[in-house]
């Protein structure tokens, strides 16, 4: 399959997933997480995805601390959420929190990071990355002074950021 056909296929896949998610999405103020043992549909791409399900921010302007809750189908170092990141609305990387190990028995899990250099009213996007695989799970959009709500990102949103530093140095377990 050519790269162009793949991107077209991926765009349709994400659009269909968004339609499915919007029909059963919880109210933004009350994020819900699948309970252990519940069946989640397999991503259409066949690759596992990590979902950001909540974001809390503390601290002061220019040096906020983000606490990000992630649900991911971790199975060990061969499949795990390996980072979460904060981006500008136009896709510039502001901060990346590397996750050094899988969270097989801890789902969902929260990891904090910072300082994140943003203003209180600067709109940012928080998303997670899955190894191996890609971005594509649920993301959140909001401000440090406000609240974060689910956002549907275009399949190619900030695609080049994936190769930027910092990068994981491996997986501990």
N, C-alpha and C. Protein backbone atom coordinates (compact mmCIF):
# COMPACT_ATOMS: atom_id res chain seq x y z
N UNK A 1 0.86 -1.17 0.00
CA UNK A 1 0.00 0.00 0.00
C UNK A 1 0.90 1.22 0.00
N UNK A 2 0.62 2.17 -0.87
CA UNK A 2 1.43 3.38 -0.94
C UNK A 2 1.18 4.25 0.28
N UNK A 3 2.14 5.15 0.56
CA UNK A 3 2.02 6.05 1.71
C UNK A 3 0.76 6.91 1.61
N UNK A 4 0.45 7.40 0.40
CA UNK A 4 -0.74 8.23 0.20
C UNK A 4 -2.01 7.44 0.48
N UNK A 5 -2.06 6.20 -0.02
CA UNK A 5 -3.24 5.36 0.23
C UNK A 5 -3.36 5.06 1.72
N UNK A 6 -2.22 4.81 2.39
CA UNK A 6 -2.24 4.54 3.82
C UNK A 6 -2.82 5.72 4.58
N UNK A 7 -2.37 6.94 4.26
CA UNK A 7 -2.86 8.13 4.95
C UNK A 7 -4.35 8.33 4.69
N UNK A 8 -4.80 8.06 3.46
CA UNK A 8 -6.22 8.18 3.15
C UNK A 8 -7.02 7.16 3.96
N UNK A 9 -6.53 5.92 4.00
CA UNK A 9 -7.18 4.87 4.77
C UNK A 9 -7.21 5.22 6.25
N UNK A 10 -6.11 5.76 6.78
CA UNK A 10 -6.02 6.14 8.17
C UNK A 10 -6.99 7.26 8.49
N UNK A 11 -7.13 8.24 7.59
CA UNK A 11 -8.07 9.34 7.80
C UNK A 11 -9.50 8.83 7.91
N UNK A 12 -9.88 7.91 7.04
CA UNK A 12 -11.23 7.34 7.09
C UNK A 12 -11.41 6.55 8.37
N UNK A 13 -10.39 5.80 8.76
CA UNK A 13 -10.44 5.01 9.99
C UNK A 13 -10.66 5.91 11.20
N UNK A 14 -9.89 6.99 11.30
CA UNK A 14 -10.01 7.90 12.43
C UNK A 14 -11.38 8.58 12.42
N UNK A 15 -11.87 8.95 11.24
CA UNK A 15 -13.18 9.58 11.15
C UNK A 15 -14.25 8.62 11.66
N UNK A 16 -14.20 7.36 11.24
CA UNK A 16 -15.18 6.38 11.70
C UNK A 16 -15.07 6.15 13.20
N UNK A 17 -13.85 6.10 13.71
CA UNK A 17 -13.66 5.93 15.15
C UNK A 17 -14.24 7.13 15.89
N UNK A 18 -14.06 8.33 15.35
CA UNK A 18 -14.62 9.52 15.98
C UNK A 18 -16.13 9.49 16.02
N UNK A 19 -16.76 9.00 14.95
CA UNK A 19 -18.22 8.87 14.93
C UNK A 19 -18.66 7.89 16.00
N UNK A 20 -17.98 6.76 16.09
CA UNK A 20 -18.32 5.78 17.12
C UNK A 20 -18.12 6.34 18.52
N UNK A 21 -16.99 7.01 18.75
CA UNK A 21 -16.72 7.57 20.06
C UNK A 21 -17.70 8.67 20.42
N UNK A 22 -18.07 9.52 19.47
CA UNK A 22 -18.98 10.63 19.78
C UNK A 22 -20.36 10.13 20.14
N UNK A 23 -20.74 8.95 19.66
CA UNK A 23 -22.06 8.44 19.98
C UNK A 23 -22.12 7.85 21.38
N UNK A 24 -20.96 7.59 22.00
CA UNK A 24 -20.97 7.01 23.34
C UNK A 24 -20.03 7.74 24.28
N UNK A 25 -19.56 8.90 23.90
CA UNK A 25 -18.60 9.63 24.73
C UNK A 25 -19.27 10.20 25.97
N UNK A 26 -18.62 10.15 27.13
CA UNK A 26 -19.18 10.73 28.34
C UNK A 26 -19.10 12.25 28.28
N UNK A 27 -19.87 12.89 29.13
CA UNK A 27 -19.80 14.34 29.23
C UNK A 27 -18.39 14.73 29.62
N UNK A 28 -17.83 15.81 29.05
CA UNK A 28 -16.44 16.17 29.31
C UNK A 28 -16.12 16.35 30.78
N UNK A 29 -17.07 16.79 31.58
CA UNK A 29 -16.80 17.03 32.99
C UNK A 29 -16.78 15.75 33.81
N UNK A 30 -17.23 14.64 33.23
CA UNK A 30 -17.27 13.38 33.94
C UNK A 30 -16.59 12.29 33.13
N UNK A 31 -15.24 12.33 33.03
CA UNK A 31 -14.58 11.30 32.23
C UNK A 31 -14.82 9.92 32.81
N UNK A 32 -15.03 8.96 31.93
CA UNK A 32 -15.24 7.59 32.36
C UNK A 32 -14.18 6.71 31.73
N UNK A 33 -13.88 5.62 32.40
CA UNK A 33 -12.86 4.71 31.94
C UNK A 33 -13.47 3.32 31.89
N UNK A 34 -13.07 2.53 30.93
CA UNK A 34 -13.53 1.16 30.86
C UNK A 34 -13.08 0.43 32.12
N UNK A 35 -13.96 -0.35 32.69
CA UNK A 35 -13.61 -1.11 33.88
C UNK A 35 -12.81 -2.34 33.49
N UNK A 36 -11.95 -2.82 34.40
CA UNK A 36 -11.17 -4.02 34.07
C UNK A 36 -12.09 -5.16 33.67
N UNK A 37 -11.72 -5.85 32.62
CA UNK A 37 -12.51 -6.97 32.14
C UNK A 37 -13.52 -6.58 31.08
N UNK A 38 -13.78 -5.28 30.89
CA UNK A 38 -14.72 -4.87 29.85
C UNK A 38 -14.04 -5.02 28.50
N UNK A 39 -14.82 -5.30 27.50
CA UNK A 39 -14.27 -5.49 26.16
C UNK A 39 -14.24 -4.17 25.42
N UNK A 40 -13.08 -3.78 24.98
CA UNK A 40 -12.90 -2.59 24.17
C UNK A 40 -12.71 -3.04 22.73
N UNK A 41 -13.30 -2.34 21.77
CA UNK A 41 -13.09 -2.74 20.38
C UNK A 41 -11.63 -2.56 19.97
N UNK A 42 -11.16 -3.45 19.14
CA UNK A 42 -9.79 -3.37 18.62
C UNK A 42 -9.72 -2.19 17.64
N UNK A 43 -8.67 -1.38 17.70
CA UNK A 43 -8.54 -0.29 16.73
C UNK A 43 -8.59 -0.83 15.31
N UNK A 44 -9.19 -0.08 14.41
CA UNK A 44 -9.33 -0.52 13.03
C UNK A 44 -7.96 -0.76 12.40
N UNK A 45 -6.96 0.05 12.80
CA UNK A 45 -5.62 -0.10 12.24
C UNK A 45 -4.96 -1.39 12.71
N UNK A 46 -5.51 -1.99 13.74
CA UNK A 46 -4.92 -3.21 14.30
C UNK A 46 -3.84 -2.92 15.30
N UNK A 47 -3.41 -1.66 15.41
CA UNK A 47 -2.38 -1.30 16.37
C UNK A 47 -3.03 -0.80 17.65
N UNK A 48 -2.46 -1.14 18.80
CA UNK A 48 -3.02 -0.66 20.07
C UNK A 48 -2.78 0.84 20.21
N UNK A 49 -3.70 1.51 20.90
CA UNK A 49 -3.62 2.95 21.10
C UNK A 49 -3.74 3.29 22.57
N UNK A 50 -3.10 4.38 22.98
CA UNK A 50 -3.19 4.87 24.36
C UNK A 50 -4.13 6.07 24.38
N UNK A 51 -5.02 6.10 25.37
CA UNK A 51 -6.00 7.18 25.51
C UNK A 51 -5.67 8.06 26.71
N UNK A 52 -5.67 9.37 26.50
CA UNK A 52 -5.60 10.33 27.61
C UNK A 52 -7.03 10.50 28.08
N UNK A 53 -7.29 10.21 29.36
CA UNK A 53 -8.67 10.27 29.84
C UNK A 53 -8.91 11.41 30.82
N UNK A 54 -7.84 12.00 31.37
CA UNK A 54 -8.01 13.20 32.17
C UNK A 54 -6.67 13.92 32.30
N UNK A 55 -6.77 15.24 32.53
CA UNK A 55 -5.58 16.07 32.71
C UNK A 55 -5.87 17.02 33.87
N UNK A 56 -4.96 17.09 34.84
CA UNK A 56 -5.05 18.04 35.94
C UNK A 56 -3.77 18.87 35.93
N UNK A 57 -3.91 20.16 36.23
CA UNK A 57 -2.76 21.06 36.18
C UNK A 57 -2.64 21.80 37.51
N UNK A 58 -1.42 21.87 38.03
CA UNK A 58 -1.13 22.63 39.25
C UNK A 58 0.09 23.50 38.99
N UNK A 59 0.32 24.45 39.89
CA UNK A 59 1.52 25.27 39.78
C UNK A 59 1.24 26.67 39.29
N UNK A 60 2.28 27.28 38.77
CA UNK A 60 2.23 28.67 38.34
C UNK A 60 2.53 28.81 36.86
N UNK A 61 2.08 29.92 36.29
CA UNK A 61 2.30 30.21 34.87
C UNK A 61 3.76 30.05 34.51
N UNK A 62 4.00 29.38 33.39
CA UNK A 62 5.35 29.17 32.91
C UNK A 62 6.04 27.97 33.51
N UNK A 63 5.46 27.40 34.55
CA UNK A 63 6.08 26.25 35.23
C UNK A 63 5.01 25.33 35.82
N UNK A 64 4.00 25.00 35.03
CA UNK A 64 2.92 24.14 35.51
C UNK A 64 3.36 22.69 35.59
N UNK A 65 2.68 21.94 36.45
CA UNK A 65 2.87 20.50 36.57
C UNK A 65 1.58 19.86 36.05
N UNK A 66 1.72 19.00 35.04
CA UNK A 66 0.58 18.30 34.46
C UNK A 66 0.53 16.89 35.04
N UNK A 67 -0.66 16.46 35.46
CA UNK A 67 -0.90 15.07 35.86
C UNK A 67 -1.85 14.49 34.83
N UNK A 68 -1.38 13.47 34.10
CA UNK A 68 -2.12 12.94 32.97
C UNK A 68 -2.51 11.49 33.26
N UNK A 69 -3.81 11.22 33.12
CA UNK A 69 -4.33 9.86 33.32
C UNK A 69 -4.46 9.20 31.95
N UNK A 70 -3.88 8.00 31.86
CA UNK A 70 -3.83 7.26 30.59
C UNK A 70 -4.40 5.87 30.78
N UNK A 71 -5.17 5.43 29.80
CA UNK A 71 -5.62 4.04 29.71
C UNK A 71 -4.97 3.47 28.45
N UNK A 72 -4.24 2.36 28.63
CA UNK A 72 -3.54 1.78 27.49
C UNK A 72 -3.50 0.26 27.62
N UNK A 73 -3.51 -0.43 26.48
CA UNK A 73 -3.49 -1.89 26.51
C UNK A 73 -2.06 -2.44 26.66
N UNK A 74 -1.40 -2.06 27.75
CA UNK A 74 -0.02 -2.48 27.99
C UNK A 74 0.06 -4.00 28.18
N UNK A 75 1.09 -4.58 27.60
CA UNK A 75 1.34 -6.01 27.74
C UNK A 75 2.78 -6.30 28.15
N UNK A 76 3.51 -5.27 28.51
CA UNK A 76 4.93 -5.41 28.80
C UNK A 76 5.71 -4.52 27.85
N UNK A 77 7.01 -4.72 27.79
CA UNK A 77 7.86 -3.85 26.97
C UNK A 77 7.61 -3.95 25.48
N UNK A 78 6.95 -5.01 25.02
CA UNK A 78 6.63 -5.13 23.60
C UNK A 78 5.43 -4.28 23.20
N UNK A 79 4.63 -3.85 24.18
CA UNK A 79 3.44 -3.04 23.91
C UNK A 79 3.09 -2.23 25.15
N UNK A 80 3.37 -0.92 25.09
CA UNK A 80 3.07 -0.08 26.24
C UNK A 80 3.01 1.39 25.83
N UNK A 81 2.33 2.19 26.64
CA UNK A 81 2.32 3.64 26.44
C UNK A 81 3.69 4.14 26.84
N UNK A 82 4.43 4.74 25.89
CA UNK A 82 5.80 5.12 26.19
C UNK A 82 6.01 6.60 26.45
N UNK A 83 4.99 7.45 26.18
CA UNK A 83 5.07 8.85 26.58
C UNK A 83 3.73 9.54 26.45
N UNK A 84 3.63 10.67 27.16
CA UNK A 84 2.56 11.62 26.90
C UNK A 84 3.22 12.97 26.64
N UNK A 85 2.50 13.84 25.94
CA UNK A 85 3.10 15.12 25.57
C UNK A 85 2.08 16.23 25.54
N UNK A 86 2.61 17.46 25.66
CA UNK A 86 1.82 18.68 25.58
C UNK A 86 2.26 19.42 24.32
N UNK A 87 1.28 19.81 23.50
CA UNK A 87 1.56 20.49 22.24
C UNK A 87 0.74 21.77 22.12
N UNK A 88 1.23 22.70 21.32
CA UNK A 88 0.44 23.87 20.98
C UNK A 88 -0.70 23.42 20.06
N UNK A 89 -1.67 24.29 19.86
CA UNK A 89 -2.78 23.95 18.96
C UNK A 89 -2.32 23.71 17.53
N UNK A 90 -1.20 24.31 17.15
CA UNK A 90 -0.71 24.09 15.78
C UNK A 90 0.32 22.96 15.71
N UNK A 91 0.48 22.19 16.79
CA UNK A 91 1.28 20.98 16.76
C UNK A 91 2.74 21.09 17.14
N UNK A 92 3.14 22.17 17.79
CA UNK A 92 4.53 22.30 18.25
C UNK A 92 4.68 21.62 19.62
N UNK A 93 5.71 20.82 19.76
CA UNK A 93 5.97 20.13 21.02
C UNK A 93 6.42 21.12 22.08
N UNK A 94 5.73 21.11 23.23
CA UNK A 94 6.09 21.97 24.36
C UNK A 94 6.80 21.13 25.43
N UNK A 95 6.27 19.92 25.67
CA UNK A 95 6.80 19.09 26.75
C UNK A 95 6.47 17.63 26.44
N UNK A 96 7.39 16.72 26.78
CA UNK A 96 7.13 15.28 26.64
C UNK A 96 7.57 14.59 27.92
N UNK A 97 6.69 13.76 28.47
CA UNK A 97 6.99 12.96 29.66
C UNK A 97 7.20 11.52 29.21
N UNK A 98 8.45 11.04 29.31
CA UNK A 98 8.78 9.67 28.94
C UNK A 98 8.30 8.73 30.04
N UNK A 99 7.68 7.62 29.65
CA UNK A 99 7.25 6.58 30.58
C UNK A 99 8.23 5.43 30.43
N UNK A 100 8.98 5.14 31.48
CA UNK A 100 10.11 4.23 31.40
C UNK A 100 9.74 2.75 31.48
N UNK A 101 8.47 2.44 31.74
CA UNK A 101 8.07 1.04 31.83
C UNK A 101 6.59 0.89 31.50
N UNK A 102 6.19 -0.34 31.32
CA UNK A 102 4.79 -0.64 31.03
C UNK A 102 3.98 -0.60 32.33
N UNK A 103 2.67 -0.50 32.18
CA UNK A 103 1.75 -0.43 33.33
C UNK A 103 0.68 -1.51 33.19
N UNK A 104 1.15 -2.74 33.04
CA UNK A 104 0.25 -3.88 32.80
C UNK A 104 -0.79 -4.01 33.90
N UNK A 105 -0.37 -3.95 35.14
CA UNK A 105 -1.28 -4.17 36.27
C UNK A 105 -1.76 -2.89 36.92
N UNK A 106 -1.62 -1.78 36.22
CA UNK A 106 -2.00 -0.48 36.76
C UNK A 106 -2.74 0.29 35.67
N UNK A 107 -4.02 0.01 35.50
CA UNK A 107 -4.80 0.65 34.44
C UNK A 107 -6.10 1.19 35.01
N UNK A 108 -6.47 2.38 34.68
CA UNK A 108 -5.63 3.40 34.09
C UNK A 108 -4.58 3.87 35.10
N UNK A 109 -3.61 4.65 34.64
CA UNK A 109 -2.57 5.13 35.53
C UNK A 109 -2.36 6.63 35.31
N UNK A 110 -1.80 7.29 36.32
CA UNK A 110 -1.53 8.73 36.26
C UNK A 110 -0.04 8.94 36.43
N UNK A 111 0.53 9.78 35.56
CA UNK A 111 1.91 10.18 35.70
C UNK A 111 1.99 11.68 35.52
N UNK A 112 2.79 12.31 36.37
CA UNK A 112 2.93 13.76 36.35
C UNK A 112 4.26 14.15 35.74
N UNK A 113 4.31 15.39 35.26
CA UNK A 113 5.54 15.90 34.69
C UNK A 113 5.51 17.41 34.61
N UNK A 114 6.68 17.97 34.47
CA UNK A 114 6.81 19.41 34.35
C UNK A 114 8.24 19.80 34.70
N UNK A 115 8.55 21.04 34.71
CA UNK A 115 7.63 22.15 34.48
C UNK A 115 7.27 22.28 33.00
N UNK A 116 6.00 22.65 32.76
CA UNK A 116 5.50 22.87 31.41
C UNK A 116 5.35 24.37 31.23
N UNK A 117 6.09 24.92 30.29
CA UNK A 117 6.18 26.37 30.09
C UNK A 117 5.04 26.88 29.21
N UNK A 118 3.87 27.07 29.82
CA UNK A 118 2.72 27.65 29.12
C UNK A 118 2.07 28.69 30.02
N UNK A 119 1.34 29.58 29.39
CA UNK A 119 0.58 30.58 30.13
C UNK A 119 -0.74 29.99 30.59
N UNK A 120 -1.41 30.64 31.55
CA UNK A 120 -2.64 30.09 32.12
C UNK A 120 -3.77 29.94 31.10
N UNK A 121 -3.83 30.79 30.09
CA UNK A 121 -4.91 30.75 29.11
C UNK A 121 -4.46 30.22 27.75
N UNK A 122 -3.24 29.71 27.67
CA UNK A 122 -2.74 29.14 26.42
C UNK A 122 -3.38 27.78 26.18
N UNK A 123 -4.05 27.62 25.05
CA UNK A 123 -4.72 26.36 24.72
C UNK A 123 -3.67 25.36 24.26
N UNK A 124 -3.71 24.18 24.86
CA UNK A 124 -2.77 23.11 24.53
C UNK A 124 -3.52 21.80 24.30
N UNK A 125 -2.82 20.87 23.68
CA UNK A 125 -3.34 19.53 23.43
C UNK A 125 -2.44 18.55 24.17
N UNK A 126 -3.05 17.58 24.84
CA UNK A 126 -2.31 16.53 25.54
C UNK A 126 -2.70 15.20 24.90
N UNK A 127 -1.69 14.45 24.45
CA UNK A 127 -1.94 13.15 23.84
C UNK A 127 -0.88 12.17 24.30
N UNK A 128 -1.15 10.88 24.11
CA UNK A 128 -0.22 9.82 24.51
C UNK A 128 0.23 9.05 23.26
N UNK A 129 1.35 8.37 23.40
CA UNK A 129 1.93 7.58 22.31
C UNK A 129 2.07 6.14 22.77
N UNK A 130 1.82 5.22 21.87
CA UNK A 130 1.90 3.79 22.17
C UNK A 130 3.07 3.18 21.42
N UNK A 131 3.81 2.30 22.10
CA UNK A 131 4.90 1.55 21.47
C UNK A 131 4.49 0.08 21.37
N UNK A 132 4.66 -0.62 20.28
CA UNK A 132 4.91 0.00 18.99
C UNK A 132 3.61 0.59 18.50
N UNK A 133 3.66 1.37 17.56
CA UNK A 133 2.42 1.91 17.07
C UNK A 133 2.51 3.37 16.78
N UNK A 134 1.65 4.08 17.46
CA UNK A 134 1.43 5.42 16.99
C UNK A 134 0.62 6.24 17.97
N UNK A 135 0.36 7.46 17.57
CA UNK A 135 -0.64 8.28 18.22
C UNK A 135 -1.99 7.82 17.66
N UNK A 136 -3.05 8.35 18.19
CA UNK A 136 -4.35 8.04 17.62
C UNK A 136 -5.41 7.75 18.65
N UNK A 137 -5.01 7.54 19.89
CA UNK A 137 -6.00 7.35 20.93
C UNK A 137 -6.65 8.68 21.29
N UNK A 138 -7.47 8.67 22.31
CA UNK A 138 -8.17 9.88 22.75
C UNK A 138 -7.17 10.91 23.26
N UNK A 139 -7.42 12.17 22.92
CA UNK A 139 -6.58 13.29 23.36
C UNK A 139 -7.47 14.30 24.08
N UNK A 140 -6.84 15.24 24.79
CA UNK A 140 -7.56 16.28 25.52
C UNK A 140 -7.02 17.64 25.11
N UNK A 141 -7.91 18.65 25.16
CA UNK A 141 -7.55 20.03 24.79
C UNK A 141 -8.06 20.93 25.90
N UNK A 142 -7.24 21.92 26.30
CA UNK A 142 -7.67 22.84 27.34
C UNK A 142 -6.58 23.81 27.72
N UNK A 143 -6.79 24.48 28.87
CA UNK A 143 -5.84 25.45 29.39
C UNK A 143 -5.52 25.14 30.84
N UNK A 144 -4.39 25.63 31.30
CA UNK A 144 -3.99 25.42 32.68
C UNK A 144 -4.98 26.07 33.65
N UNK A 145 -5.54 27.20 33.26
CA UNK A 145 -6.49 27.91 34.13
C UNK A 145 -7.91 27.40 33.97
N UNK A 146 -8.17 26.62 32.94
CA UNK A 146 -9.52 26.15 32.68
C UNK A 146 -9.65 24.66 32.88
N UNK A 147 -10.30 24.03 31.95
CA UNK A 147 -10.48 22.59 32.02
C UNK A 147 -10.09 21.95 30.70
N UNK A 148 -9.91 20.65 30.74
CA UNK A 148 -9.55 19.89 29.56
C UNK A 148 -10.75 19.05 29.13
N UNK A 149 -10.98 19.02 27.81
CA UNK A 149 -12.07 18.26 27.23
C UNK A 149 -11.54 17.40 26.10
N UNK A 150 -12.22 16.30 25.80
CA UNK A 150 -11.80 15.47 24.67
C UNK A 150 -11.77 16.27 23.37
N UNK A 151 -10.81 15.95 22.52
CA UNK A 151 -10.70 16.60 21.21
C UNK A 151 -10.37 15.53 20.17
N UNK A 152 -10.94 15.68 18.99
CA UNK A 152 -10.63 14.78 17.89
C UNK A 152 -9.55 15.43 17.05
N UNK A 153 -8.43 14.77 16.93
CA UNK A 153 -7.30 15.30 16.17
C UNK A 153 -7.27 14.70 14.78
N UNK A 154 -6.83 15.49 13.82
CA UNK A 154 -6.64 14.98 12.47
C UNK A 154 -5.56 13.89 12.51
N UNK A 155 -5.66 12.89 11.66
CA UNK A 155 -4.68 11.80 11.67
C UNK A 155 -3.24 12.26 11.51
N UNK A 156 -3.04 13.36 10.80
CA UNK A 156 -1.68 13.84 10.57
C UNK A 156 -1.29 14.98 11.50
N UNK A 157 -2.07 15.23 12.55
CA UNK A 157 -1.76 16.31 13.48
C UNK A 157 -0.39 16.09 14.10
N UNK A 158 0.51 17.02 13.91
CA UNK A 158 1.85 17.02 14.50
C UNK A 158 2.58 15.69 14.30
N UNK A 159 2.45 15.11 13.12
CA UNK A 159 3.03 13.79 12.85
C UNK A 159 4.55 13.78 13.01
N UNK A 160 5.24 14.85 12.63
CA UNK A 160 6.70 14.88 12.71
C UNK A 160 7.24 14.96 14.12
N UNK A 161 6.40 15.34 15.07
CA UNK A 161 6.82 15.48 16.46
C UNK A 161 7.27 14.14 17.05
N UNK A 162 6.74 13.05 16.51
CA UNK A 162 7.06 11.72 17.02
C UNK A 162 8.56 11.45 17.06
N UNK A 163 9.31 12.04 16.15
CA UNK A 163 10.76 11.81 16.06
C UNK A 163 11.58 12.79 16.90
N UNK A 164 10.93 13.80 17.49
CA UNK A 164 11.65 14.78 18.27
C UNK A 164 12.09 14.22 19.62
N UNK A 165 13.13 14.82 20.17
CA UNK A 165 13.62 14.47 21.50
C UNK A 165 12.75 15.14 22.56
N UNK A 166 12.66 14.56 23.74
CA UNK A 166 13.33 13.34 24.18
C UNK A 166 12.62 12.10 23.65
N UNK A 167 13.38 11.01 23.58
CA UNK A 167 12.88 9.71 23.15
C UNK A 167 13.15 8.70 24.25
N UNK A 168 12.33 7.66 24.36
CA UNK A 168 12.59 6.63 25.37
C UNK A 168 13.94 5.95 25.11
N UNK A 169 14.64 5.61 26.18
CA UNK A 169 15.92 4.92 26.07
C UNK A 169 15.74 3.41 26.18
N UNK A 170 14.52 2.98 26.31
CA UNK A 170 14.22 1.55 26.47
C UNK A 170 13.07 1.41 27.44
N UNK A 171 12.82 0.17 27.81
CA UNK A 171 11.71 -0.15 28.70
C UNK A 171 12.24 -0.99 29.84
N UNK A 172 11.99 -0.57 31.07
CA UNK A 172 12.52 -1.27 32.24
C UNK A 172 11.80 -2.60 32.52
N UNK A 173 10.48 -2.62 32.33
CA UNK A 173 9.70 -3.84 32.53
C UNK A 173 8.30 -3.69 32.01
